[in-house]
Amino acid sequence: MTTTPTFLRPKRLAEFLMVAGHAGQTEVLDRPVVSHFRIDNMADARRVLSRATPDERRRRGATFLDGLEYRSRLPQGMHDRGEAHVYADGLEDTERDSRGHRNHFPIYVRTYSVAEHVVAAGDVWDVTVGPEEWGVDEREEFYNIVNVGRLVLGDGASVVVQGNAWTLICQELTCGAPAAADYHIGVLGTRHGFGGRRGAGDGGDGAPGAGGPPGRHGLPPRYGSSLLGRVATAPVDPAALDGTAGGVGEPGTNGEAGLNGGACRIAEITVRALRTEHGMVVGAIAGDGGDGGNGGAGGPGGAGGDGVAAIRTVDGPVGPGAGGWGGDGGDGGRGGRAGHSGIASNVFVTVPDDCTSQVRLFARAGRSGTPGRGGPGGRPGPDGLSGAAGPGSPAGRAGSDGNDGRAGRVMPAAKMYLNSEWLASDA
């Protein structure tokens, strides 16, 4: 027979069972319950994903989009306005937004419910929903509802989510001393970055350019012998006596751009009862941008061919041929653009009114990446030797150094709300 824990009586028990999807069925208290489902409309998303009261929605809605104007014309702005409707009282959708929101549905939702969970001292409970649970691409957005009767965080313990849209409902939370990361509850960026490719956050370096081919040496005439000396056996082409120019070195390829940092998505954290001597700290930290790859070095120019030395014949002197000039070096590749830091959304924390003095919230922007350095230009090829002493042919030119990559931007940190009031971050 299931015994209801004292911390889940009676109103808290009703909410816990309702969120778990088992209203009135207390047998779910014996084990964790995990549900995966899809939501295909805005009204159900508003009902399922948020525990906010009408008054909390009204107060959130007054400032929900403040500070997010920089992305209001981007697709993310449409997403923000949809979240304002789900987690607050947002503005009416324009027809354009409605079309985009319909394309976003059906969304992926997981609910994890457990009557009691203890995180041992120094441990991290990572509740992130990953793409492997759904068999979809990592860049899908996952909505993650964690429903806990009592959550106990030992000294230095924490609970974190990485890049999910997160709803945490905790009927009773007990906190020990904060973790080394300086939070009990961490709202972190996605495990992956964003950009025009998949893979590592840092961009790969460009490849060096191949060297230019060497020039051909001058072709000496064919001679025969006579009583008077050497005689050309065929007409002499003066141009054939010259060495030809070395080939131009190939340019280095460009460094890859760093990916933008992991996104710190919206979170609603509701704690019905707080037990702590150390306070409760909630931190929101977006991901760092990746470094741009360095540009590849330009290839060296090819060596110029040597000219033919002067030769005396019975018909007069032949040559000398001019040496070919060295080939130009290839240009260095451009450095990759640095990734921007990850974008961040609003984080709502709700505790009993008499516990607000025990709560500290902070938000930190990620770092932008370091731009890749431009590749060095290739050196010119050596000039070919002239068939006579004196100045050679015009020299080849060194390739131009590649431009350094563009700097990344630091995107604004998350906006933190305590009991539906927007607070300035302390970090």
Protein backbone atom coordinates (compact mmCIF):
# COMPACT_ATOMS: atom_id res chain seq x y z
CA MET A 1 0.00 0.00 0.00
CA THR A 2 1.33 3.44 -0.92
CA THR A 3 1.93 5.84 1.97
CA THR A 4 1.70 9.53 1.10
CA PRO A 5 4.76 11.45 2.37
CA THR A 6 3.94 14.24 4.81
CA PHE A 7 5.48 16.86 2.52
CA LEU A 8 2.84 15.99 -0.12
CA ARG A 9 -0.31 16.60 1.88
CA PRO A 10 -2.87 17.52 0.67
CA LYS A 11 -2.74 20.48 -1.77
CA ARG A 12 0.83 19.75 -2.82
CA LEU A 13 -0.07 16.13 -3.47
CA ALA A 14 -2.85 17.18 -5.80
CA GLU A 15 -0.55 19.40 -7.83
CA PHE A 16 2.18 16.78 -7.97
CA LEU A 17 -0.21 14.09 -9.23
CA MET A 18 -1.84 16.45 -11.71
CA VAL A 19 1.49 17.44 -13.28
CA ALA A 20 2.50 13.77 -13.35
CA GLY A 21 -0.66 13.05 -15.34
CA HIS A 22 -2.00 10.70 -12.65
CA ALA A 23 -4.54 12.77 -10.75
CA GLY A 24 -5.82 10.74 -7.80
CA GLN A 25 -3.48 7.79 -8.48
CA THR A 26 -1.10 7.73 -5.54
CA GLU A 27 0.73 4.64 -6.78
CA VAL A 28 3.01 6.94 -8.80
CA LEU A 29 4.62 7.88 -5.49
CA ASP A 30 6.43 4.51 -5.49
CA ARG A 31 8.53 5.14 -8.57
CA PRO A 32 9.60 7.83 -11.06
CA VAL A 33 7.14 8.33 -13.90
CA VAL A 34 8.39 9.47 -17.31
CA SER A 35 6.06 10.52 -20.11
CA HIS A 36 6.88 11.61 -23.66
CA PHE A 37 4.21 13.37 -25.69
CA ARG A 38 3.64 16.10 -28.27
CA ILE A 39 1.66 19.34 -27.97
CA ASP A 40 0.19 20.69 -31.16
CA ASN A 41 -1.36 24.04 -30.20
CA MET A 42 -0.66 27.17 -28.21
CA ALA A 43 -3.56 26.78 -25.77
CA ASP A 44 -2.37 23.35 -24.58
CA ALA A 45 1.23 24.58 -24.37
CA ARG A 46 0.08 27.42 -22.12
CA ARG A 47 -1.89 25.02 -19.92
CA VAL A 48 0.78 22.30 -19.62
CA LEU A 49 4.10 24.15 -19.55
CA SER A 50 3.42 26.90 -17.00
CA ARG A 51 2.15 26.93 -13.42
CA ALA A 52 1.79 30.72 -13.33
CA THR A 53 -1.36 32.28 -11.88
CA PRO A 54 -3.30 34.93 -13.81
CA ASP A 55 -1.73 37.66 -11.67
CA GLU A 56 1.79 36.26 -12.24
CA ARG A 57 1.15 36.12 -15.97
CA ARG A 58 0.00 39.73 -15.99
CA ARG A 59 3.08 40.96 -14.14
CA ARG A 60 5.45 38.94 -16.30
CA GLY A 61 3.76 40.15 -19.46
CA ALA A 62 4.44 43.79 -18.61
CA THR A 63 8.20 43.32 -19.16
CA PHE A 64 8.51 39.97 -20.92
CA LEU A 65 9.83 41.38 -24.19
CA ASP A 66 11.79 44.30 -22.70
CA GLY A 67 15.47 43.96 -23.53
CA LEU A 68 14.75 41.52 -26.36
CA GLU A 69 14.08 44.18 -28.99
CA TYR A 70 17.42 43.49 -30.69
CA ARG A 71 16.02 40.21 -32.03
CA SER A 72 12.39 41.20 -32.52
CA ARG A 73 12.64 41.13 -36.32
CA LEU A 74 14.44 37.80 -36.40
CA PRO A 75 12.80 34.37 -36.22
CA GLN A 76 13.81 34.32 -32.56
CA GLY A 77 11.58 37.35 -32.02
CA MET A 78 8.58 35.36 -33.22
CA HIS A 79 9.62 32.61 -30.80
CA ASP A 80 9.87 35.14 -27.95
CA ARG A 81 6.37 36.39 -28.62
CA GLY A 82 5.06 32.84 -28.58
CA GLU A 83 6.75 32.20 -25.23
CA ALA A 84 5.22 35.40 -23.88
CA HIS A 85 1.82 33.89 -24.56
CA VAL A 86 2.71 30.50 -23.00
CA TYR A 87 4.47 31.72 -19.83
CA ALA A 88 2.90 35.18 -19.39
CA ASP A 89 0.19 37.31 -20.98
CA GLY A 90 1.72 38.06 -24.34
CA LEU A 91 0.56 40.36 -27.07
CA GLU A 92 -1.88 39.17 -29.68
CA ASP A 93 -0.21 37.22 -32.46
CA THR A 94 0.09 38.78 -35.83
CA GLU A 95 -0.93 36.52 -38.71
CA ARG A 96 2.73 36.20 -39.62
CA ASP A 97 3.58 35.00 -36.11
CA SER A 98 0.69 32.57 -36.12
CA ARG A 99 1.96 30.92 -39.27
CA GLY A 100 5.42 30.56 -37.77
CA HIS A 101 4.05 29.19 -34.50
CA ARG A 102 2.00 26.60 -36.35
CA ASN A 103 5.19 25.47 -38.05
CA HIS A 104 6.82 25.07 -34.61
CA PHE A 105 4.14 22.61 -33.48
CA PRO A 106 3.87 19.85 -32.50
CA ILE A 107 6.53 20.39 -29.85
CA TYR A 108 8.45 17.64 -28.01
CA VAL A 109 7.61 17.35 -24.29
CA ARG A 110 8.96 15.06 -21.60
CA THR A 111 7.59 14.94 -18.06
CA TYR A 112 9.68 13.37 -15.29
CA SER A 113 7.91 12.99 -11.96
CA VAL A 114 9.41 11.61 -8.75
CA ALA A 115 8.11 11.88 -5.18
CA GLU A 116 11.56 12.42 -3.67
CA HIS A 117 15.03 12.82 -5.10
CA VAL A 118 18.25 13.31 -3.13
CA VAL A 119 21.39 14.68 -4.78
CA ALA A 120 24.41 13.70 -2.70
CA ALA A 121 26.99 16.24 -1.61
CA GLY A 122 29.07 17.44 -4.55
CA ASP A 123 26.96 15.65 -7.18
CA VAL A 124 25.13 17.17 -10.16
CA TRP A 125 21.69 16.00 -11.22
CA ASP A 126 21.55 16.75 -14.95
CA VAL A 127 17.92 16.49 -16.08
CA THR A 128 18.55 17.50 -19.70
CA VAL A 129 16.40 15.91 -22.41
CA GLY A 130 18.62 14.94 -25.36
CA PRO A 131 17.79 14.20 -28.99
CA GLU A 132 18.43 10.50 -28.47
CA GLU A 133 15.20 10.27 -26.45
CA TRP A 134 13.23 11.29 -29.51
CA GLY A 135 15.47 10.16 -32.36
CA VAL A 136 15.63 13.64 -33.86
CA ASP A 137 18.23 16.28 -34.64
CA GLU A 138 20.07 17.89 -31.73
CA ARG A 139 18.84 21.33 -32.76
CA GLU A 140 15.21 20.52 -32.10
CA GLU A 141 13.84 22.32 -29.06
CA PHE A 142 12.81 20.06 -26.19
CA TYR A 143 10.33 21.02 -23.46
CA ASN A 144 11.26 19.44 -20.17
CA ILE A 145 8.92 19.27 -17.16
CA VAL A 146 10.58 18.03 -13.96
CA ASN A 147 8.02 17.45 -11.21
CA VAL A 148 9.48 16.64 -7.77
CA GLY A 149 7.72 16.20 -4.47
CA ARG A 150 10.82 16.83 -2.36
CA LEU A 151 14.25 17.64 -3.74
CA VAL A 152 17.23 17.51 -1.39
CA LEU A 153 20.51 19.07 -2.52
CA GLY A 154 23.45 18.16 -0.30
CA ASP A 155 26.36 20.52 0.29
CA GLY A 156 27.87 21.44 -3.07
CA ALA A 157 25.13 19.60 -5.00
CA SER A 158 23.13 21.08 -7.86
CA VAL A 159 20.46 20.36 -10.44
CA VAL A 160 21.04 21.61 -13.99
CA VAL A 161 19.45 21.65 -17.40
CA GLN A 162 21.38 22.27 -20.60
CA GLY A 163 19.40 24.12 -23.23
CA ASN A 164 15.91 22.71 -22.73
CA ALA A 165 12.86 24.89 -22.23
CA TRP A 166 12.50 23.86 -18.61
CA THR A 167 9.62 23.72 -16.16
CA LEU A 168 10.75 22.70 -12.66
CA ILE A 169 8.01 22.20 -10.08
CA CYS A 170 9.27 21.33 -6.61
CA GLN A 171 6.87 21.03 -3.70
CA GLU A 172 9.71 21.17 -1.16
CA LEU A 173 13.37 22.04 -1.76
CA THR A 174 16.13 21.59 0.80
CA CYS A 175 19.47 23.24 -0.10
CA GLY A 176 22.88 22.70 1.40
CA ALA A 177 25.86 24.99 0.83
CA PRO A 178 26.17 26.18 -2.79
CA ALA A 179 28.23 24.22 -5.28
CA ALA A 180 31.60 25.37 -6.59
CA ALA A 181 29.74 26.64 -9.67
CA ASP A 182 27.97 29.06 -7.26
CA TYR A 183 24.43 27.84 -7.87
CA HIS A 184 22.03 25.23 -6.62
CA ILE A 185 19.92 25.37 -9.77
CA GLY A 186 21.71 25.95 -13.09
CA VAL A 187 20.01 26.96 -16.33
CA LEU A 188 22.77 26.39 -18.86
CA GLY A 189 23.25 26.61 -22.62
CA THR A 190 22.66 23.78 -25.07
CA ARG A 191 25.36 21.15 -25.36
CA HIS A 192 25.83 22.09 -29.00
CA GLY A 193 26.54 25.36 -30.77
CA PHE A 194 24.68 26.98 -33.64
CA GLY A 195 25.87 27.92 -37.10
CA GLY A 196 26.17 26.67 -40.62
CA ARG A 197 27.66 23.31 -39.69
CA ARG A 198 27.64 20.59 -37.05
CA GLY A 199 30.45 19.42 -34.81
CA ALA A 200 33.03 21.10 -32.63
CA GLY A 201 32.44 24.66 -31.48
CA ASP A 202 35.84 25.85 -32.68
CA GLY A 203 36.33 26.22 -36.41
CA GLY A 204 38.97 24.18 -38.18
CA ASP A 205 42.06 25.79 -39.65
CA GLY A 206 42.29 26.37 -43.37
CA ALA A 207 44.58 24.20 -45.48
CA PRO A 208 47.84 25.64 -46.87
CA GLY A 209 48.00 26.36 -50.56
CA ALA A 210 50.13 24.20 -52.82
CA GLY A 211 53.36 25.63 -54.19
CA GLY A 212 53.47 26.91 -57.74
CA PRO A 213 55.22 24.71 -60.33
CA PRO A 214 58.79 25.67 -61.34
CA GLY A 215 59.45 27.43 -64.61
CA ARG A 216 61.13 25.64 -67.54
CA HIS A 217 64.82 26.26 -68.09
CA GLY A 218 65.89 27.82 -71.36
CA LEU A 219 66.46 25.39 -74.26
CA PRO A 220 70.00 25.51 -75.71
CA PRO A 221 70.22 25.34 -79.54
CA ARG A 222 71.42 22.21 -81.25
CA TYR A 223 74.96 22.51 -82.63
CA GLY A 224 77.16 20.71 -84.99
CA SER A 225 80.92 21.02 -85.56
CA SER A 226 82.75 22.48 -88.51
CA LEU A 227 86.37 23.37 -89.30
CA LEU A 228 85.55 26.91 -88.21
CA GLY A 229 83.78 25.97 -84.97
CA ARG A 230 80.27 25.25 -83.75
CA VAL A 231 77.41 25.69 -86.14
CA ALA A 232 73.71 25.74 -85.27
CA THR A 233 71.99 22.85 -87.01
CA ALA A 234 68.57 24.54 -86.89
CA PRO A 235 67.33 28.12 -86.74
CA VAL A 236 67.71 29.57 -83.25
CA ASP A 237 64.60 30.90 -81.50
CA PRO A 238 65.90 33.58 -79.12
CA ALA A 239 62.82 33.27 -76.89
CA ALA A 240 63.54 29.59 -76.34
CA LEU A 241 66.81 30.56 -74.66
CA ASP A 242 64.92 32.24 -71.80
CA GLY A 243 63.74 30.47 -68.70
CA THR A 244 60.00 30.69 -68.11
CA ALA A 245 58.32 32.13 -65.03
CA GLY A 246 57.50 29.99 -62.03
CA GLY A 247 53.82 29.28 -61.39
CA VAL A 248 51.78 31.19 -58.87
CA GLY A 249 51.31 29.56 -55.48
CA GLU A 250 47.77 28.52 -54.62
CA PRO A 251 45.91 30.50 -51.98
CA GLY A 252 45.37 29.05 -48.53
CA THR A 253 41.79 28.13 -47.73
CA ASN A 254 39.75 30.12 -45.23
CA GLY A 255 39.46 29.10 -41.61
CA GLU A 256 36.05 27.86 -40.49
CA ALA A 257 33.81 30.12 -38.47
CA GLY A 258 33.35 29.27 -34.81
CA LEU A 259 29.85 28.16 -33.87
CA ASN A 260 27.69 30.45 -31.80
CA GLY A 261 27.44 29.38 -28.19
CA GLY A 262 24.75 27.15 -26.73
CA ALA A 263 21.36 28.76 -26.17
CA CYS A 264 20.10 29.28 -22.62
CA ARG A 265 16.38 28.71 -23.09
CA ILE A 266 13.38 29.81 -21.09
CA ALA A 267 12.85 28.31 -17.63
CA GLU A 268 10.08 28.43 -15.04
CA ILE A 269 11.19 27.25 -11.58
CA THR A 270 8.49 26.92 -8.93
CA VAL A 271 9.34 26.03 -5.32
CA ARG A 272 6.37 25.70 -2.99
CA ALA A 273 8.41 25.34 0.23
CA LEU A 274 12.09 26.18 0.80
CA ARG A 275 14.21 24.70 3.59
CA THR A 276 17.74 26.09 3.78
CA GLU A 277 20.28 27.71 6.05
CA HIS A 278 22.44 28.75 3.11
CA GLY A 279 19.93 30.35 0.78
CA MET A 280 19.00 29.21 -2.72
CA VAL A 281 21.01 30.36 -5.72
CA VAL A 282 19.76 30.11 -9.29
CA GLY A 283 22.18 30.86 -12.11
CA ALA A 284 21.57 31.19 -15.85
CA ILE A 285 24.70 30.90 -17.99
CA ALA A 286 24.68 30.88 -21.79
CA GLY A 287 27.29 29.02 -23.83
CA ASP A 288 30.58 30.42 -25.09
CA GLY A 289 31.13 31.07 -28.78
CA GLY A 290 33.67 28.95 -30.62
CA ASP A 291 36.99 30.27 -31.88
CA GLY A 292 37.42 30.89 -35.57
CA GLY A 293 39.93 28.71 -37.39
CA ASN A 294 43.14 30.24 -38.70
CA GLY A 295 43.47 30.82 -42.43
CA GLY A 296 45.78 28.54 -44.37
CA ALA A 297 49.16 29.82 -45.54
CA GLY A 298 49.51 30.79 -49.16
CA GLY A 299 51.61 28.43 -51.25
CA PRO A 300 55.11 29.55 -52.32
CA GLY A 301 55.63 30.70 -55.87
CA GLY A 302 57.48 28.39 -58.23
CA ALA A 303 61.13 28.99 -59.05
CA GLY A 304 61.87 30.70 -62.34
CA GLY A 305 63.70 28.70 -64.99
CA ASP A 306 67.37 29.48 -65.75
CA GLY A 307 68.33 31.15 -69.01
CA VAL A 308 70.84 29.61 -71.45
CA ALA A 309 74.42 30.90 -71.20
CA ALA A 310 75.86 32.78 -74.20
CA ILE A 311 77.57 30.62 -76.82
CA ARG A 312 79.93 31.65 -79.62
CA THR A 313 79.26 30.17 -83.00
CA VAL A 314 80.72 30.79 -86.47
CA ASP A 315 77.60 32.87 -87.16
CA GLY A 316 78.13 35.03 -84.10
CA PRO A 317 77.17 34.85 -80.43
CA VAL A 318 73.93 33.14 -79.35
CA GLY A 319 72.24 34.17 -76.11
CA PRO A 320 72.39 34.67 -73.27
CA GLY A 321 68.82 33.79 -72.33
CA ALA A 322 67.09 35.63 -69.53
CA GLY A 323 66.18 33.83 -66.33
CA GLY A 324 62.43 33.44 -65.64
CA TRP A 325 61.05 35.37 -62.76
CA GLY A 326 59.86 33.63 -59.65
CA GLY A 327 56.14 32.97 -59.37
CA ASP A 328 54.00 35.03 -57.06
CA GLY A 329 53.19 33.54 -53.68
CA GLY A 330 49.58 32.56 -53.01
CA ASP A 331 47.43 34.71 -50.77
CA GLY A 332 46.83 33.56 -47.22
CA GLY A 333 43.35 32.35 -46.30
CA ARG A 334 40.99 34.48 -44.29
CA GLY A 335 40.62 33.70 -40.60
CA GLY A 336 37.29 32.29 -39.47
CA ARG A 337 34.72 34.49 -37.77
CA ALA A 338 34.50 34.10 -34.01
CA GLY A 339 31.27 32.62 -32.71
CA HIS A 340 28.87 34.85 -30.81
CA SER A 341 28.02 33.90 -27.26
CA GLY A 342 24.78 31.99 -26.85
CA ILE A 343 21.45 33.74 -26.77
CA ALA A 344 19.41 33.64 -23.58
CA SER A 345 15.74 33.88 -22.65
CA ASN A 346 13.81 34.70 -19.50
CA VAL A 347 14.10 32.68 -16.29
CA PHE A 348 11.17 32.82 -13.86
CA VAL A 349 11.70 31.76 -10.24
CA THR A 350 8.75 31.55 -7.86
CA VAL A 351 9.07 30.88 -4.11
CA PRO A 352 6.85 31.68 -1.14
CA ASP A 353 6.79 35.42 -0.52
CA ASP A 354 8.40 35.01 2.91
CA CYS A 355 11.39 33.22 1.32
CA THR A 356 12.43 35.82 -1.26
CA SER A 357 15.20 37.16 0.99
CA GLN A 358 16.82 33.72 0.90
CA VAL A 359 17.03 33.64 -2.89
CA ARG A 360 19.82 34.99 -5.08
CA LEU A 361 19.59 35.04 -8.86
CA PHE A 362 22.34 35.76 -11.35
CA ALA A 363 22.77 35.63 -15.10
CA ARG A 364 26.00 35.54 -17.06
CA ALA A 365 26.53 35.98 -20.74
CA GLY A 366 28.82 33.54 -22.47
CA ARG A 367 32.10 34.68 -23.97
CA SER A 368 32.46 35.32 -27.65
CA GLY A 369 35.10 33.27 -29.41
CA THR A 370 38.49 34.46 -30.63
CA PRO A 371 38.67 35.32 -34.35
CA GLY A 372 40.93 33.17 -36.49
CA ARG A 373 44.18 34.74 -37.73
CA GLY A 374 44.64 35.31 -41.41
CA GLY A 375 47.08 32.92 -43.09
CA PRO A 376 50.48 34.32 -44.12
CA GLY A 377 50.97 35.01 -47.79
CA GLY A 378 53.20 32.63 -49.71
CA ARG A 379 56.76 33.70 -50.44
CA PRO A 380 57.68 34.45 -54.05
CA GLY A 381 59.61 31.86 -56.00
CA PRO A 382 63.33 32.48 -56.60
CA ASP A 383 64.17 34.05 -59.93
CA GLY A 384 65.82 31.93 -62.54
CA LEU A 385 69.48 32.59 -63.25
CA SER A 386 70.24 34.71 -66.27
CA GLY A 387 72.58 33.28 -68.82
CA ALA A 388 74.83 36.32 -68.28
CA ALA A 389 76.04 38.21 -65.26
CA GLY A 390 73.88 41.18 -64.37
CA PRO A 391 70.34 41.94 -63.22
CA GLY A 392 67.80 39.12 -63.53
CA SER A 393 64.16 39.25 -64.53
CA PRO A 394 61.52 41.07 -62.48
CA ALA A 395 60.99 39.36 -59.14
CA GLY A 396 57.76 37.60 -58.17
CA ARG A 397 55.67 39.08 -55.41
CA ALA A 398 54.83 37.62 -52.03
CA GLY A 399 51.20 36.65 -51.53
CA SER A 400 49.03 38.91 -49.41
CA ASP A 401 48.38 37.89 -45.83
CA GLY A 402 44.81 36.80 -45.23
CA ASN A 403 42.51 39.02 -43.20
CA ASP A 404 41.80 38.07 -39.63
CA GLY A 405 38.31 36.75 -38.91
CA ARG A 406 35.57 39.04 -37.67
CA ALA A 407 34.98 39.37 -33.96
CA GLY A 408 32.05 37.63 -32.32
CA ARG A 409 29.44 39.46 -30.28
CA VAL A 410 28.53 38.97 -26.65
CA MET A 411 24.77 38.49 -26.53
CA PRO A 412 22.74 39.79 -23.58
CA ALA A 413 22.46 37.53 -20.54
CA ALA A 414 19.19 35.97 -19.43
CA LYS A 415 16.57 38.13 -17.72
CA MET A 416 15.89 36.88 -14.21
CA TYR A 417 12.50 37.17 -12.49
CA LEU A 418 11.75 36.53 -8.84
CA ASN A 419 8.06 36.09 -8.09
CA SER A 420 7.28 37.58 -11.50
CA GLU A 421 9.30 40.77 -10.95
CA TRP A 422 12.23 41.41 -13.30
CA LEU A 423 15.46 41.81 -11.32
CA ALA A 424 18.79 43.30 -12.40
CA SER A 425 21.44 40.58 -12.53
CA ASP A 426 24.32 40.76 -10.06
CA ALA A 427 26.81 39.14 -12.45
